[in-house]
């Protein structure tokens, strides 16, 4: 699953077929924004990942660090909130809170990797 396309898997979670490319530019932009945030939190590869199409895979971002596998959920939440937010404020708040929690947890994981106790 780590070799799966970042764009394709994110589109699947958004309810879009892999071959439906009408919104790819928008989704790619939001994915890259989320990756930029993760890079500022020191999560992921040393050089921030920037995707342009469906050829980039999760392996390129995770680089064997399975303890940051939750980035997939984080990317989904951030893209969903920017691209197609839920209709209710309760659902939006829930997704925002889940994204914030994942940011915190991913940051803690990376701090423990970079500065072990």
PDB file of N, CA and C in Angstrom:
ATOM      1  N   UNK A   1       0.811  -1.200   0.000  1.00  0.00           N
ATOM      2  CA  UNK A   1       0.000   0.000   0.000  1.00  0.00           C
ATOM      3  C   UNK A   1       0.851   1.260   0.000  1.00  0.00           C
ATOM      4  N   UNK A   2       2.069   1.190   0.546  1.00  0.00           N
ATOM      5  CA  UNK A   2       2.941   2.360   0.577  1.00  0.00           C
ATOM      6  C   UNK A   2       3.396   2.758  -0.820  1.00  0.00           C
ATOM      7  N   UNK A   3       3.329   1.839  -1.773  1.00  0.00           N
ATOM      8  CA  UNK A   3       3.724   2.164  -3.140  1.00  0.00           C
ATOM      9  C   UNK A   3       2.556   2.753  -3.924  1.00  0.00           C
ATOM     10  N   UNK A   4       1.433   2.915  -3.278  1.00  0.00           N
ATOM     11  CA  UNK A   4       0.255   3.469  -3.924  1.00  0.00           C
ATOM     12  C   UNK A   4       0.450   4.957  -4.211  1.00  0.00           C
ATOM     13  N   UNK A   5      -0.130   5.415  -5.291  1.00  0.00           N
ATOM     14  CA  UNK A   5      -0.059   6.812  -5.682  1.00  0.00           C
ATOM     15  C   UNK A   5      -0.707   7.711  -4.631  1.00  0.00           C
ATOM     16  N   UNK A   6      -0.035   8.789  -4.291  1.00  0.00           N
ATOM     17  CA  UNK A   6      -0.576   9.750  -3.325  1.00  0.00           C
ATOM     18  C   UNK A   6      -1.845  10.379  -3.876  1.00  0.00           C
ATOM     19  N   UNK A   7      -1.790  10.827  -5.110  1.00  0.00           N
ATOM     20  CA  UNK A   7      -2.951  11.479  -5.716  1.00  0.00           C
ATOM     21  C   UNK A   7      -4.123  10.512  -5.854  1.00  0.00           C
ATOM     22  N   UNK A   8      -3.866   9.332  -6.362  1.00  0.00           N
ATOM     23  CA  UNK A   8      -4.942   8.362  -6.586  1.00  0.00           C
ATOM     24  C   UNK A   8      -5.606   7.942  -5.283  1.00  0.00           C
ATOM     25  N   UNK A   9      -4.816   7.670  -4.259  1.00  0.00           N
ATOM     26  CA  UNK A   9      -5.411   7.243  -2.986  1.00  0.00           C
ATOM     27  C   UNK A   9      -6.179   8.382  -2.325  1.00  0.00           C
ATOM     28  N   UNK A  10      -5.693   9.609  -2.460  1.00  0.00           N
ATOM     29  CA  UNK A  10      -6.410  10.754  -1.901  1.00  0.00           C
ATOM     30  C   UNK A  10      -7.725  10.965  -2.645  1.00  0.00           C
ATOM     31  N   UNK A  11      -7.695  10.832  -3.961  1.00  0.00           N
ATOM     32  CA  UNK A  11      -8.923  10.954  -4.739  1.00  0.00           C
ATOM     33  C   UNK A  11      -9.934   9.884  -4.339  1.00  0.00           C
ATOM     34  N   UNK A  12      -9.464   8.672  -4.082  1.00  0.00           N
ATOM     35  CA  UNK A  12     -10.354   7.591  -3.670  1.00  0.00           C
ATOM     36  C   UNK A  12     -11.058   7.950  -2.367  1.00  0.00           C
ATOM     37  N   UNK A  13     -10.294   8.477  -1.407  1.00  0.00           N
ATOM     38  CA  UNK A  13     -10.890   8.881  -0.136  1.00  0.00           C
ATOM     39  C   UNK A  13     -11.891  10.029  -0.306  1.00  0.00           C
ATOM     40  N   UNK A  14     -11.664  10.861  -1.310  1.00  0.00           N
ATOM     41  CA  UNK A  14     -12.591  11.962  -1.598  1.00  0.00           C
ATOM     42  C   UNK A  14     -13.818  11.499  -2.378  1.00  0.00           C
ATOM     43  N   UNK A  15     -13.824  10.229  -2.778  1.00  0.00           N
ATOM     44  CA  UNK A  15     -14.952   9.683  -3.525  1.00  0.00           C
ATOM     45  C   UNK A  15     -14.853   9.895  -5.019  1.00  0.00           C
ATOM     46  N   UNK A  16     -13.638  10.155  -5.515  1.00  0.00           N
ATOM     47  CA  UNK A  16     -13.438  10.380  -6.948  1.00  0.00           C
ATOM     48  C   UNK A  16     -12.726   9.182  -7.572  1.00  0.00           C
ATOM     49  N   UNK A  17     -13.126   8.817  -8.772  1.00  0.00           N
ATOM     50  CA  UNK A  17     -12.479   7.719  -9.488  1.00  0.00           C
ATOM     51  C   UNK A  17     -11.087   8.143  -9.939  1.00  0.00           C
ATOM     52  N   UNK A  18     -10.188   7.181  -9.993  1.00  0.00           N
ATOM     53  CA  UNK A  18      -8.806   7.462 -10.390  1.00  0.00           C
ATOM     54  C   UNK A  18      -8.731   8.078 -11.784  1.00  0.00           C
ATOM     55  N   UNK A  19      -9.619   7.661 -12.683  1.00  0.00           N
ATOM     56  CA  UNK A  19      -9.569   8.156 -14.053  1.00  0.00           C
ATOM     57  C   UNK A  19     -10.329   9.475 -14.251  1.00  0.00           C
ATOM     58  N   UNK A  20     -10.936  10.001 -13.210  1.00  0.00           N
ATOM     59  CA  UNK A  20     -11.613  11.287 -13.283  1.00  0.00           C
ATOM     60  C   UNK A  20     -10.599  12.367 -12.903  1.00  0.00           C
ATOM     61  N   UNK A  21     -10.134  13.110 -13.889  1.00  0.00           N
ATOM     62  CA  UNK A  21      -9.018  14.035 -13.693  1.00  0.00           C
ATOM     63  C   UNK A  21      -9.420  15.513 -13.661  1.00  0.00           C
ATOM     64  N   UNK A  22     -10.700  15.793 -13.693  1.00  0.00           N
ATOM     65  CA  UNK A  22     -11.185  17.173 -13.761  1.00  0.00           C
ATOM     66  C   UNK A  22     -10.644  18.047 -12.619  1.00  0.00           C
ATOM     67  N   UNK A  23     -10.484  17.485 -11.431  1.00  0.00           N
ATOM     68  CA  UNK A  23     -10.067  18.270 -10.272  1.00  0.00           C
ATOM     69  C   UNK A  23      -8.640  17.964  -9.826  1.00  0.00           C
ATOM     70  N   UNK A  24      -7.880  17.256 -10.632  1.00  0.00           N
ATOM     71  CA  UNK A  24      -6.522  16.865 -10.226  1.00  0.00           C
ATOM     72  C   UNK A  24      -5.646  18.057  -9.859  1.00  0.00           C
ATOM     73  N   UNK A  25      -5.714  19.128 -10.622  1.00  0.00           N
ATOM     74  CA  UNK A  25      -4.883  20.306 -10.344  1.00  0.00           C
ATOM     75  C   UNK A  25      -5.215  20.867  -8.962  1.00  0.00           C
ATOM     76  N   UNK A  26      -6.486  20.951  -8.638  1.00  0.00           N
ATOM     77  CA  UNK A  26      -6.915  21.468  -7.338  1.00  0.00           C
ATOM     78  C   UNK A  26      -6.454  20.549  -6.206  1.00  0.00           C
ATOM     79  N   UNK A  27      -6.656  19.254  -6.387  1.00  0.00           N
ATOM     80  CA  UNK A  27      -6.295  18.291  -5.353  1.00  0.00           C
ATOM     81  C   UNK A  27      -4.788  18.264  -5.148  1.00  0.00           C
ATOM     82  N   UNK A  28      -4.031  18.300  -6.231  1.00  0.00           N
ATOM     83  CA  UNK A  28      -2.563  18.322  -6.130  1.00  0.00           C
ATOM     84  C   UNK A  28      -2.107  19.557  -5.359  1.00  0.00           C
ATOM     85  N   UNK A  29      -2.712  20.695  -5.629  1.00  0.00           N
ATOM     86  CA  UNK A  29      -2.356  21.925  -4.928  1.00  0.00           C
ATOM     87  C   UNK A  29      -2.582  21.772  -3.422  1.00  0.00           C
ATOM     88  N   UNK A  30      -3.712  21.208  -3.026  1.00  0.00           N
ATOM     89  CA  UNK A  30      -4.013  21.037  -1.609  1.00  0.00           C
ATOM     90  C   UNK A  30      -3.111  19.984  -0.965  1.00  0.00           C
ATOM     91  N   UNK A  31      -2.792  18.933  -1.692  1.00  0.00           N
ATOM     92  CA  UNK A  31      -1.854  17.921  -1.181  1.00  0.00           C
ATOM     93  C   UNK A  31      -0.503  18.579  -0.915  1.00  0.00           C
ATOM     94  N   UNK A  32      -0.024  19.368  -1.852  1.00  0.00           N
ATOM     95  CA  UNK A  32       1.273  20.024  -1.685  1.00  0.00           C
ATOM     96  C   UNK A  32       1.266  21.018  -0.528  1.00  0.00           C
ATOM     97  N   UNK A  33       0.157  21.682  -0.305  1.00  0.00           N
ATOM     98  CA  UNK A  33       0.048  22.582   0.853  1.00  0.00           C
ATOM     99  C   UNK A  33       0.161  21.802   2.156  1.00  0.00           C
ATOM    100  N   UNK A  34      -0.490  20.649   2.219  1.00  0.00           N
ATOM    101  CA  UNK A  34      -0.410  19.812   3.422  1.00  0.00           C
ATOM    102  C   UNK A  34       1.007  19.286   3.613  1.00  0.00           C
ATOM    103  N   UNK A  35       1.666  18.899   2.517  1.00  0.00           N
ATOM    104  CA  UNK A  35       3.057  18.445   2.615  1.00  0.00           C
ATOM    105  C   UNK A  35       3.966  19.574   3.105  1.00  0.00           C
ATOM    106  N   UNK A  36       3.686  20.800   2.690  1.00  0.00           N
ATOM    107  CA  UNK A  36       4.494  21.937   3.151  1.00  0.00           C
ATOM    108  C   UNK A  36       4.349  22.116   4.667  1.00  0.00           C
ATOM    109  N   UNK A  37       3.139  21.955   5.170  1.00  0.00           N
ATOM    110  CA  UNK A  37       2.920  22.039   6.617  1.00  0.00           C
ATOM    111  C   UNK A  37       3.683  20.932   7.337  1.00  0.00           C
ATOM    112  N   UNK A  38       3.596  19.710   6.814  1.00  0.00           N
ATOM    113  CA  UNK A  38       4.315  18.590   7.419  1.00  0.00           C
ATOM    114  C   UNK A  38       5.822  18.835   7.397  1.00  0.00           C
ATOM    115  N   UNK A  39       6.321  19.407   6.317  1.00  0.00           N
ATOM    116  CA  UNK A  39       7.754  19.702   6.217  1.00  0.00           C
ATOM    117  C   UNK A  39       8.168  20.697   7.316  1.00  0.00           C
ATOM    118  N   UNK A  40       7.339  21.703   7.569  1.00  0.00           N
ATOM    119  CA  UNK A  40       7.639  22.668   8.624  1.00  0.00           C
ATOM    120  C   UNK A  40       7.634  22.012  10.001  1.00  0.00           C
ATOM    121  N   UNK A  41       6.899  20.906  10.133  1.00  0.00           N
ATOM    122  CA  UNK A  41       6.864  20.157  11.389  1.00  0.00           C
ATOM    123  C   UNK A  41       7.956  19.092  11.436  1.00  0.00           C
ATOM    124  N   UNK A  42       8.826  19.072  10.422  1.00  0.00           N
ATOM    125  CA  UNK A  42       9.920  18.101  10.304  1.00  0.00           C
ATOM    126  C   UNK A  42       9.421  16.676  10.135  1.00  0.00           C
ATOM    127  N   UNK A  43       8.274  16.525   9.498  1.00  0.00           N
ATOM    128  CA  UNK A  43       7.709  15.204   9.228  1.00  0.00           C
ATOM    129  C   UNK A  43       7.943  14.882   7.760  1.00  0.00           C
ATOM    130  N   UNK A  44       8.499  13.709   7.503  1.00  0.00           N
ATOM    131  CA  UNK A  44       8.717  13.276   6.127  1.00  0.00           C
ATOM    132  C   UNK A  44      10.154  13.442   5.696  1.00  0.00           C
ATOM    133  N   UNK A  45      10.376  13.395   4.384  1.00  0.00           N
ATOM    134  CA  UNK A  45      11.743  13.469   3.872  1.00  0.00           C
ATOM    135  C   UNK A  45      12.394  14.818   4.160  1.00  0.00           C
ATOM    136  N   UNK A  46      13.721  14.834   4.171  1.00  0.00           N
ATOM    137  CA  UNK A  46      14.469  16.059   4.432  1.00  0.00           C
ATOM    138  C   UNK A  46      14.087  17.154   3.442  1.00  0.00           C
ATOM    139  N   UNK A  47      14.021  16.797   2.176  1.00  0.00           N
ATOM    140  CA  UNK A  47      13.550  17.735   1.159  1.00  0.00           C
ATOM    141  C   UNK A  47      12.051  17.530   1.011  1.00  0.00           C
ATOM    142  N   UNK A  48      11.289  18.577   1.192  1.00  0.00           N
ATOM    143  CA  UNK A  48       9.835  18.480   1.135  1.00  0.00           C
ATOM    144  C   UNK A  48       9.385  17.841  -0.179  1.00  0.00           C
ATOM    145  N   UNK A  49       8.399  16.960  -0.089  1.00  0.00           N
ATOM    146  CA  UNK A  49       7.858  16.315  -1.282  1.00  0.00           C
ATOM    147  C   UNK A  49       6.869  17.250  -1.955  1.00  0.00           C
ATOM    148  N   UNK A  50       6.951  17.318  -3.260  1.00  0.00           N
ATOM    149  CA  UNK A  50       6.055  18.134  -4.077  1.00  0.00           C
ATOM    150  C   UNK A  50       5.577  17.244  -5.204  1.00  0.00           C
ATOM    151  N   UNK A  51       4.273  17.000  -5.285  1.00  0.00           N
ATOM    152  CA  UNK A  51       3.783  16.123  -6.346  1.00  0.00           C
ATOM    153  C   UNK A  51       3.231  16.948  -7.498  1.00  0.00           C
ATOM    154  N   UNK A  52       3.233  16.364  -8.689  1.00  0.00           N
ATOM    155  CA  UNK A  52       2.664  17.039  -9.858  1.00  0.00           C
ATOM    156  C   UNK A  52       1.600  16.186 -10.540  1.00  0.00           C
ATOM    157  N   UNK A  53       1.604  14.891 -10.244  1.00  0.00           N
ATOM    158  CA  UNK A  53       0.651  13.991 -10.875  1.00  0.00           C
ATOM    159  C   UNK A  53       0.546  12.709 -10.048  1.00  0.00           C
ATOM    160  N   UNK A  54      -0.040  11.685 -10.631  1.00  0.00           N
ATOM    161  CA  UNK A  54      -0.284  10.431  -9.906  1.00  0.00           C
ATOM    162  C   UNK A  54       0.937   9.524  -9.827  1.00  0.00           C
ATOM    163  N   UNK A  55       2.098   9.980 -10.287  1.00  0.00           N
ATOM    164  CA  UNK A  55       3.281   9.107 -10.251  1.00  0.00           C
ATOM    165  C   UNK A  55       3.979   9.091  -8.891  1.00  0.00           C
ATOM    166  N   UNK A  56       3.762  10.096  -8.065  1.00  0.00           N
ATOM    167  CA  UNK A  56       4.392  10.135  -6.741  1.00  0.00           C
ATOM    168  C   UNK A  56       3.682   9.152  -5.816  1.00  0.00           C
ATOM    169  N   UNK A  57       4.473   8.405  -5.047  1.00  0.00           N
ATOM    170  CA  UNK A  57       3.907   7.378  -4.175  1.00  0.00           C
ATOM    171  C   UNK A  57       4.160   7.697  -2.709  1.00  0.00           C
ATOM    172  N   UNK A  58       3.414   7.010  -1.851  1.00  0.00           N
ATOM    173  CA  UNK A  58       3.583   7.194  -0.415  1.00  0.00           C
ATOM    174  C   UNK A  58       4.971   6.770   0.032  1.00  0.00           C
ATOM    175  N   UNK A  59       5.578   5.815  -0.660  1.00  0.00           N
ATOM    176  CA  UNK A  59       6.923   5.368  -0.316  1.00  0.00           C
ATOM    177  C   UNK A  59       7.909   6.527  -0.367  1.00  0.00           C
ATOM    178  N   UNK A  60       7.748   7.422  -1.327  1.00  0.00           N
ATOM    179  CA  UNK A  60       8.629   8.576  -1.460  1.00  0.00           C
ATOM    180  C   UNK A  60       8.540   9.489  -0.231  1.00  0.00           C
ATOM    181  N   UNK A  61       7.381   9.562   0.368  1.00  0.00           N
ATOM    182  CA  UNK A  61       7.220  10.429   1.538  1.00  0.00           C
ATOM    183  C   UNK A  61       7.587   9.707   2.826  1.00  0.00           C
ATOM    184  N   UNK A  62       7.103   8.493   2.978  1.00  0.00           N
ATOM    185  CA  UNK A  62       7.287   7.765   4.235  1.00  0.00           C
ATOM    186  C   UNK A  62       8.715   7.254   4.400  1.00  0.00           C
ATOM    187  N   UNK A  63       9.380   6.915   3.299  1.00  0.00           N
ATOM    188  CA  UNK A  63      10.783   6.480   3.308  1.00  0.00           C
ATOM    189  C   UNK A  63      11.077   5.424   4.373  1.00  0.00           C
ATOM    190  N   UNK A  64      10.218   4.430   4.481  1.00  0.00           N
ATOM    191  CA  UNK A  64      10.455   3.333   5.409  1.00  0.00           C
ATOM    192  C   UNK A  64      10.114   3.619   6.855  1.00  0.00           C
ATOM    193  N   UNK A  65       9.658   4.817   7.165  1.00  0.00           N
ATOM    194  CA  UNK A  65       9.302   5.182   8.539  1.00  0.00           C
ATOM    195  C   UNK A  65       7.811   4.899   8.764  1.00  0.00           C
ATOM    196  N   UNK A  66       7.500   3.644   9.036  1.00  0.00           N
ATOM    197  CA  UNK A  66       6.106   3.252   9.171  1.00  0.00           C
ATOM    198  C   UNK A  66       5.406   3.938  10.336  1.00  0.00           C
ATOM    199  N   UNK A  67       6.170   4.483  11.262  1.00  0.00           N
ATOM    200  CA  UNK A  67       5.570   5.185  12.396  1.00  0.00           C
ATOM    201  C   UNK A  67       4.949   6.530  11.994  1.00  0.00           C
ATOM    202  N   UNK A  68       5.135   6.960  10.752  1.00  0.00           N
ATOM    203  CA  UNK A  68       4.477   8.183  10.278  1.00  0.00           C
ATOM    204  C   UNK A  68       3.429   7.859   9.210  1.00  0.00           C
ATOM    205  N   UNK A  69       2.970   6.628   9.200  1.00  0.00           N
ATOM    206  CA  UNK A  69       1.992   6.184   8.218  1.00  0.00           C
ATOM    207  C   UNK A  69       0.676   6.963   8.311  1.00  0.00           C
ATOM    208  N   UNK A  70       0.416   7.602   9.445  1.00  0.00           N
ATOM    209  CA  UNK A  70      -0.819   8.365   9.604  1.00  0.00           C
ATOM    210  C   UNK A  70      -0.833   9.644   8.760  1.00  0.00           C
ATOM    211  N   UNK A  71       0.260   9.929   8.064  1.00  0.00           N
ATOM    212  CA  UNK A  71       0.251  11.094   7.162  1.00  0.00           C
ATOM    213  C   UNK A  71      -0.821  10.938   6.092  1.00  0.00           C
ATOM    214  N   UNK A  72      -1.159   9.718   5.765  1.00  0.00           N
ATOM    215  CA  UNK A  72      -2.198   9.491   4.748  1.00  0.00           C
ATOM    216  C   UNK A  72      -3.533  10.060   5.215  1.00  0.00           C
ATOM    217  N   UNK A  73      -3.872   9.804   6.466  1.00  0.00           N
ATOM    218  CA  UNK A  73      -5.111  10.363   7.020  1.00  0.00           C
ATOM    219  C   UNK A  73      -5.016  11.880   7.114  1.00  0.00           C
ATOM    220  N   UNK A  74      -3.861  12.375   7.531  1.00  0.00           N
ATOM    221  CA  UNK A  74      -3.670  13.814   7.657  1.00  0.00           C
ATOM    222  C   UNK A  74      -3.864  14.512   6.306  1.00  0.00           C
ATOM    223  N   UNK A  75      -3.247  13.970   5.283  1.00  0.00           N
ATOM    224  CA  UNK A  75      -3.387  14.562   3.947  1.00  0.00           C
ATOM    225  C   UNK A  75      -4.850  14.562   3.526  1.00  0.00           C
ATOM    226  N   UNK A  76      -5.540  13.457   3.778  1.00  0.00           N
ATOM    227  CA  UNK A  76      -6.965  13.394   3.432  1.00  0.00           C
ATOM    228  C   UNK A  76      -7.750  14.486   4.147  1.00  0.00           C
ATOM    229  N   UNK A  77      -7.579  14.611   5.466  1.00  0.00           N
ATOM    230  CA  UNK A  77      -8.340  15.611   6.211  1.00  0.00           C
ATOM    231  C   UNK A  77      -8.074  17.014   5.688  1.00  0.00           C
ATOM    232  N   UNK A  78      -6.803  17.335   5.462  1.00  0.00           N
ATOM    233  CA  UNK A  78      -6.457  18.679   4.998  1.00  0.00           C
ATOM    234  C   UNK A  78      -7.014  18.954   3.593  1.00  0.00           C
ATOM    235  N   UNK A  79      -6.915  17.976   2.717  1.00  0.00           N
ATOM    236  CA  UNK A  79      -7.428  18.152   1.350  1.00  0.00           C
ATOM    237  C   UNK A  79      -8.950  18.247   1.380  1.00  0.00           C
ATOM    238  N   UNK A  80      -9.583  17.380   2.139  1.00  0.00           N
ATOM    239  CA  UNK A  80     -11.049  17.400   2.208  1.00  0.00           C
ATOM    240  C   UNK A  80     -11.549  18.738   2.727  1.00  0.00           C
ATOM    241  N   UNK A  81     -10.919  19.249   3.765  1.00  0.00           N
ATOM    242  CA  UNK A  81     -11.346  20.529   4.330  1.00  0.00           C
ATOM    243  C   UNK A  81     -11.172  21.681   3.347  1.00  0.00           C
ATOM    244  N   UNK A  82     -10.139  21.633   2.536  1.00  0.00           N
ATOM    245  CA  UNK A  82      -9.888  22.708   1.568  1.00  0.00           C
ATOM    246  C   UNK A  82     -10.671  22.520   0.278  1.00  0.00           C
ATOM    247  N   UNK A  83     -10.804  21.276  -0.163  1.00  0.00           N
ATOM    248  CA  UNK A  83     -11.389  20.993  -1.473  1.00  0.00           C
ATOM    249  C   UNK A  83     -12.898  20.792  -1.423  1.00  0.00           C
ATOM    250  N   UNK A  84     -13.370  20.028  -0.454  1.00  0.00           N
ATOM    251  CA  UNK A  84     -14.788  19.678  -0.380  1.00  0.00           C
ATOM    252  C   UNK A  84     -15.206  19.540   1.083  1.00  0.00           C
ATOM    253  N   UNK A  85     -15.297  20.672   1.796  1.00  0.00           N
ATOM    254  CA  UNK A  85     -15.599  20.585   3.227  1.00  0.00           C
ATOM    255  C   UNK A  85     -16.976  19.986   3.485  1.00  0.00           C
ATOM    256  N   UNK A  86     -17.119  19.312   4.626  1.00  0.00           N
ATOM    257  CA  UNK A  86     -18.421  18.751   4.982  1.00  0.00           C
ATOM    258  C   UNK A  86     -19.479  19.848   5.108  1.00  0.00           C
ATOM    259  N   UNK A  87     -20.732  19.440   5.050  1.00  0.00           N
ATOM    260  CA  UNK A  87     -21.835  20.402   5.065  1.00  0.00           C
ATOM    261  C   UNK A  87     -22.127  20.959   6.452  1.00  0.00           C
ATOM    262  N   UNK A  88     -21.793  20.221   7.487  1.00  0.00           N
ATOM    263  CA  UNK A  88     -22.131  20.695   8.831  1.00  0.00           C
ATOM    264  C   UNK A  88     -20.894  21.199   9.569  1.00  0.00           C
ATOM    265  N   UNK A  89     -21.118  22.142  10.445  1.00  0.00           N
ATOM    266  CA  UNK A  89     -20.005  22.687  11.231  1.00  0.00           C
ATOM    267  C   UNK A  89     -19.452  21.639  12.189  1.00  0.00           C
ATOM    268  N   UNK A  90     -20.293  20.706  12.625  1.00  0.00           N
ATOM    269  CA  UNK A  90     -19.828  19.644  13.518  1.00  0.00           C
ATOM    270  C   UNK A  90     -18.806  18.754  12.815  1.00  0.00           C
ATOM    271  N   UNK A  91     -19.090  18.400  11.570  1.00  0.00           N
ATOM    272  CA  UNK A  91     -18.176  17.551  10.813  1.00  0.00           C
ATOM    273  C   UNK A  91     -16.883  18.298  10.497  1.00  0.00           C
ATOM    274  N   UNK A  92     -16.993  19.572  10.172  1.00  0.00           N
ATOM    275  CA  UNK A  92     -15.799  20.378   9.898  1.00  0.00           C
ATOM    276  C   UNK A  92     -14.922  20.458  11.147  1.00  0.00           C
ATOM    277  N   UNK A  93     -15.533  20.760  12.275  1.00  0.00           N
ATOM    278  CA  UNK A  93     -14.783  20.851  13.531  1.00  0.00           C
ATOM    279  C   UNK A  93     -14.122  19.524  13.867  1.00  0.00           C
ATOM    280  N   UNK A  94     -14.830  18.441  13.653  1.00  0.00           N
ATOM    281  CA  UNK A  94     -14.275  17.110  13.927  1.00  0.00           C
ATOM    282  C   UNK A  94     -13.054  16.836  13.057  1.00  0.00           C
ATOM    283  N   UNK A  95     -13.157  17.132  11.774  1.00  0.00           N
ATOM    284  CA  UNK A  95     -12.026  16.906  10.870  1.00  0.00           C
ATOM    285  C   UNK A  95     -10.856  17.826  11.215  1.00  0.00           C
ATOM    286  N   UNK A  96     -11.134  19.066  11.552  1.00  0.00           N
ATOM    287  CA  UNK A  96     -10.067  19.991  11.951  1.00  0.00           C
ATOM    288  C   UNK A  96      -9.349  19.471  13.198  1.00  0.00           C
ATOM    289  N   UNK A  97     -10.125  18.992  14.161  1.00  0.00           N
ATOM    290  CA  UNK A  97      -9.528  18.466  15.386  1.00  0.00           C
ATOM    291  C   UNK A  97      -8.698  17.218  15.113  1.00  0.00           C
ATOM    292  N   UNK A  98      -9.180  16.351  14.242  1.00  0.00           N
ATOM    293  CA  UNK A  98      -8.412  15.150  13.910  1.00  0.00           C
ATOM    294  C   UNK A  98      -7.107  15.517  13.209  1.00  0.00           C
ATOM    295  N   UNK A  99      -7.159  16.501  12.315  1.00  0.00           N
ATOM    296  CA  UNK A  99      -5.946  16.948  11.628  1.00  0.00           C
ATOM    297  C   UNK A  99      -4.950  17.538  12.618  1.00  0.00           C
ATOM    298  N   UNK A 100      -5.436  18.339  13.560  1.00  0.00           N
ATOM    299  CA  UNK A 100      -4.552  18.927  14.574  1.00  0.00           C
ATOM    300  C   UNK A 100      -3.920  17.853  15.450  1.00  0.00           C
ATOM    301  N   UNK A 101      -4.713  16.853  15.818  1.00  0.00           N
ATOM    302  CA  UNK A 101      -4.170  15.776  16.637  1.00  0.00           C
ATOM    303  C   UNK A 101      -3.088  15.013  15.875  1.00  0.00           C
ATOM    304  N   UNK A 102      -3.338  14.749  14.599  1.00  0.00           N
ATOM    305  CA  UNK A 102      -2.328  14.052  13.796  1.00  0.00           C
ATOM    306  C   UNK A 102      -1.072  14.898  13.645  1.00  0.00           C
ATOM    307  N   UNK A 103      -1.219  16.215  13.465  1.00  0.00           N
ATOM    308  CA  UNK A 103      -0.042  17.090  13.404  1.00  0.00           C
ATOM    309  C   UNK A 103       0.783  16.942  14.671  1.00  0.00           C
ATOM    310  N   UNK A 104       0.114  16.988  15.814  1.00  0.00           N
ATOM    311  CA  UNK A 104       0.807  16.870  17.085  1.00  0.00           C
ATOM    312  C   UNK A 104       1.506  15.520  17.203  1.00  0.00           C
ATOM    313  N   UNK A 105       0.780  14.450  16.925  1.00  0.00           N
ATOM    314  CA  UNK A 105       1.342  13.106  17.080  1.00  0.00           C
ATOM    315  C   UNK A 105       2.508  12.868  16.115  1.00  0.00           C
ATOM    316  N   UNK A 106       2.370  13.324  14.877  1.00  0.00           N
ATOM    317  CA  UNK A 106       3.458  13.164  13.910  1.00  0.00           C
ATOM    318  C   UNK A 106       4.678  13.970  14.331  1.00  0.00           C
ATOM    319  N   UNK A 107       4.442  15.147  14.848  1.00  0.00           N
ATOM    320  CA  UNK A 107       5.545  15.974  15.320  1.00  0.00           C
ATOM    321  C   UNK A 107       6.263  15.307  16.483  1.00  0.00           C
ATOM    322  N   UNK A 108       5.526  14.723  17.402  1.00  0.00           N
ATOM    323  CA  UNK A 108       6.125  14.022  18.539  1.00  0.00           C
ATOM    324  C   UNK A 108       6.961  12.842  18.051  1.00  0.00           C
ATOM    325  N   UNK A 109       6.436  12.086  17.112  1.00  0.00           N
ATOM    326  CA  UNK A 109       7.180  10.950  16.560  1.00  0.00           C
ATOM    327  C   UNK A 109       8.493  11.423  15.961  1.00  0.00           C
ATOM    328  N   UNK A 110       8.447  12.483  15.180  1.00  0.00           N
ATOM    329  CA  UNK A 110       9.658  12.971  14.529  1.00  0.00           C
ATOM    330  C   UNK A 110      10.643  13.548  15.544  1.00  0.00           C
ATOM    331  N   UNK A 111      10.161  14.206  16.577  1.00  0.00           N
ATOM    332  CA  UNK A 111      11.067  14.708  17.612  1.00  0.00           C
ATOM    333  C   UNK A 111      11.782  13.563  18.310  1.00  0.00           C
ATOM    334  N   UNK A 112      11.080  12.469  18.542  1.00  0.00           N
ATOM    335  CA  UNK A 112      11.691  11.304  19.183  1.00  0.00           C
ATOM    336  C   UNK A 112      12.716  10.643  18.255  1.00  0.00           C
ATOM    337  N   UNK A 113      12.492  10.721  16.960  1.00  0.00           N
ATOM    338  CA  UNK A 113      13.465  10.161  16.002  1.00  0.00           C
ATOM    339  C   UNK A 113      14.690  11.059  15.919  1.00  0.00           C
ATOM    340  N   UNK A 114      14.452  12.376  15.833  1.00  0.00           N
ATOM    341  CA  UNK A 114      15.558  13.320  15.677  1.00  0.00           C
ATOM    342  C   UNK A 114      16.325  13.538  16.968  1.00  0.00           C
ATOM    343  N   UNK A 115      15.624  13.486  18.110  1.00  0.00           N
ATOM    344  CA  UNK A 115      16.270  13.677  19.417  1.00  0.00           C
ATOM    345  C   UNK A 115      15.815  12.585  20.365  1.00  0.00           C
ATOM    346  N   UNK A 116      16.357  11.383  20.209  1.00  0.00           N
ATOM    347  CA  UNK A 116      15.910  10.293  21.084  1.00  0.00           C
ATOM    348  C   UNK A 116      16.232  10.595  22.543  1.00  0.00           C
ATOM    349  N   UNK A 117      15.392  10.076  23.410  1.00  0.00           N
ATOM    350  CA  UNK A 117      15.541  10.310  24.853  1.00  0.00           C
ATOM    351  C   UNK A 117      16.675   9.501  25.410  1.00  0.00           C
TER     352      UNK A 117
END
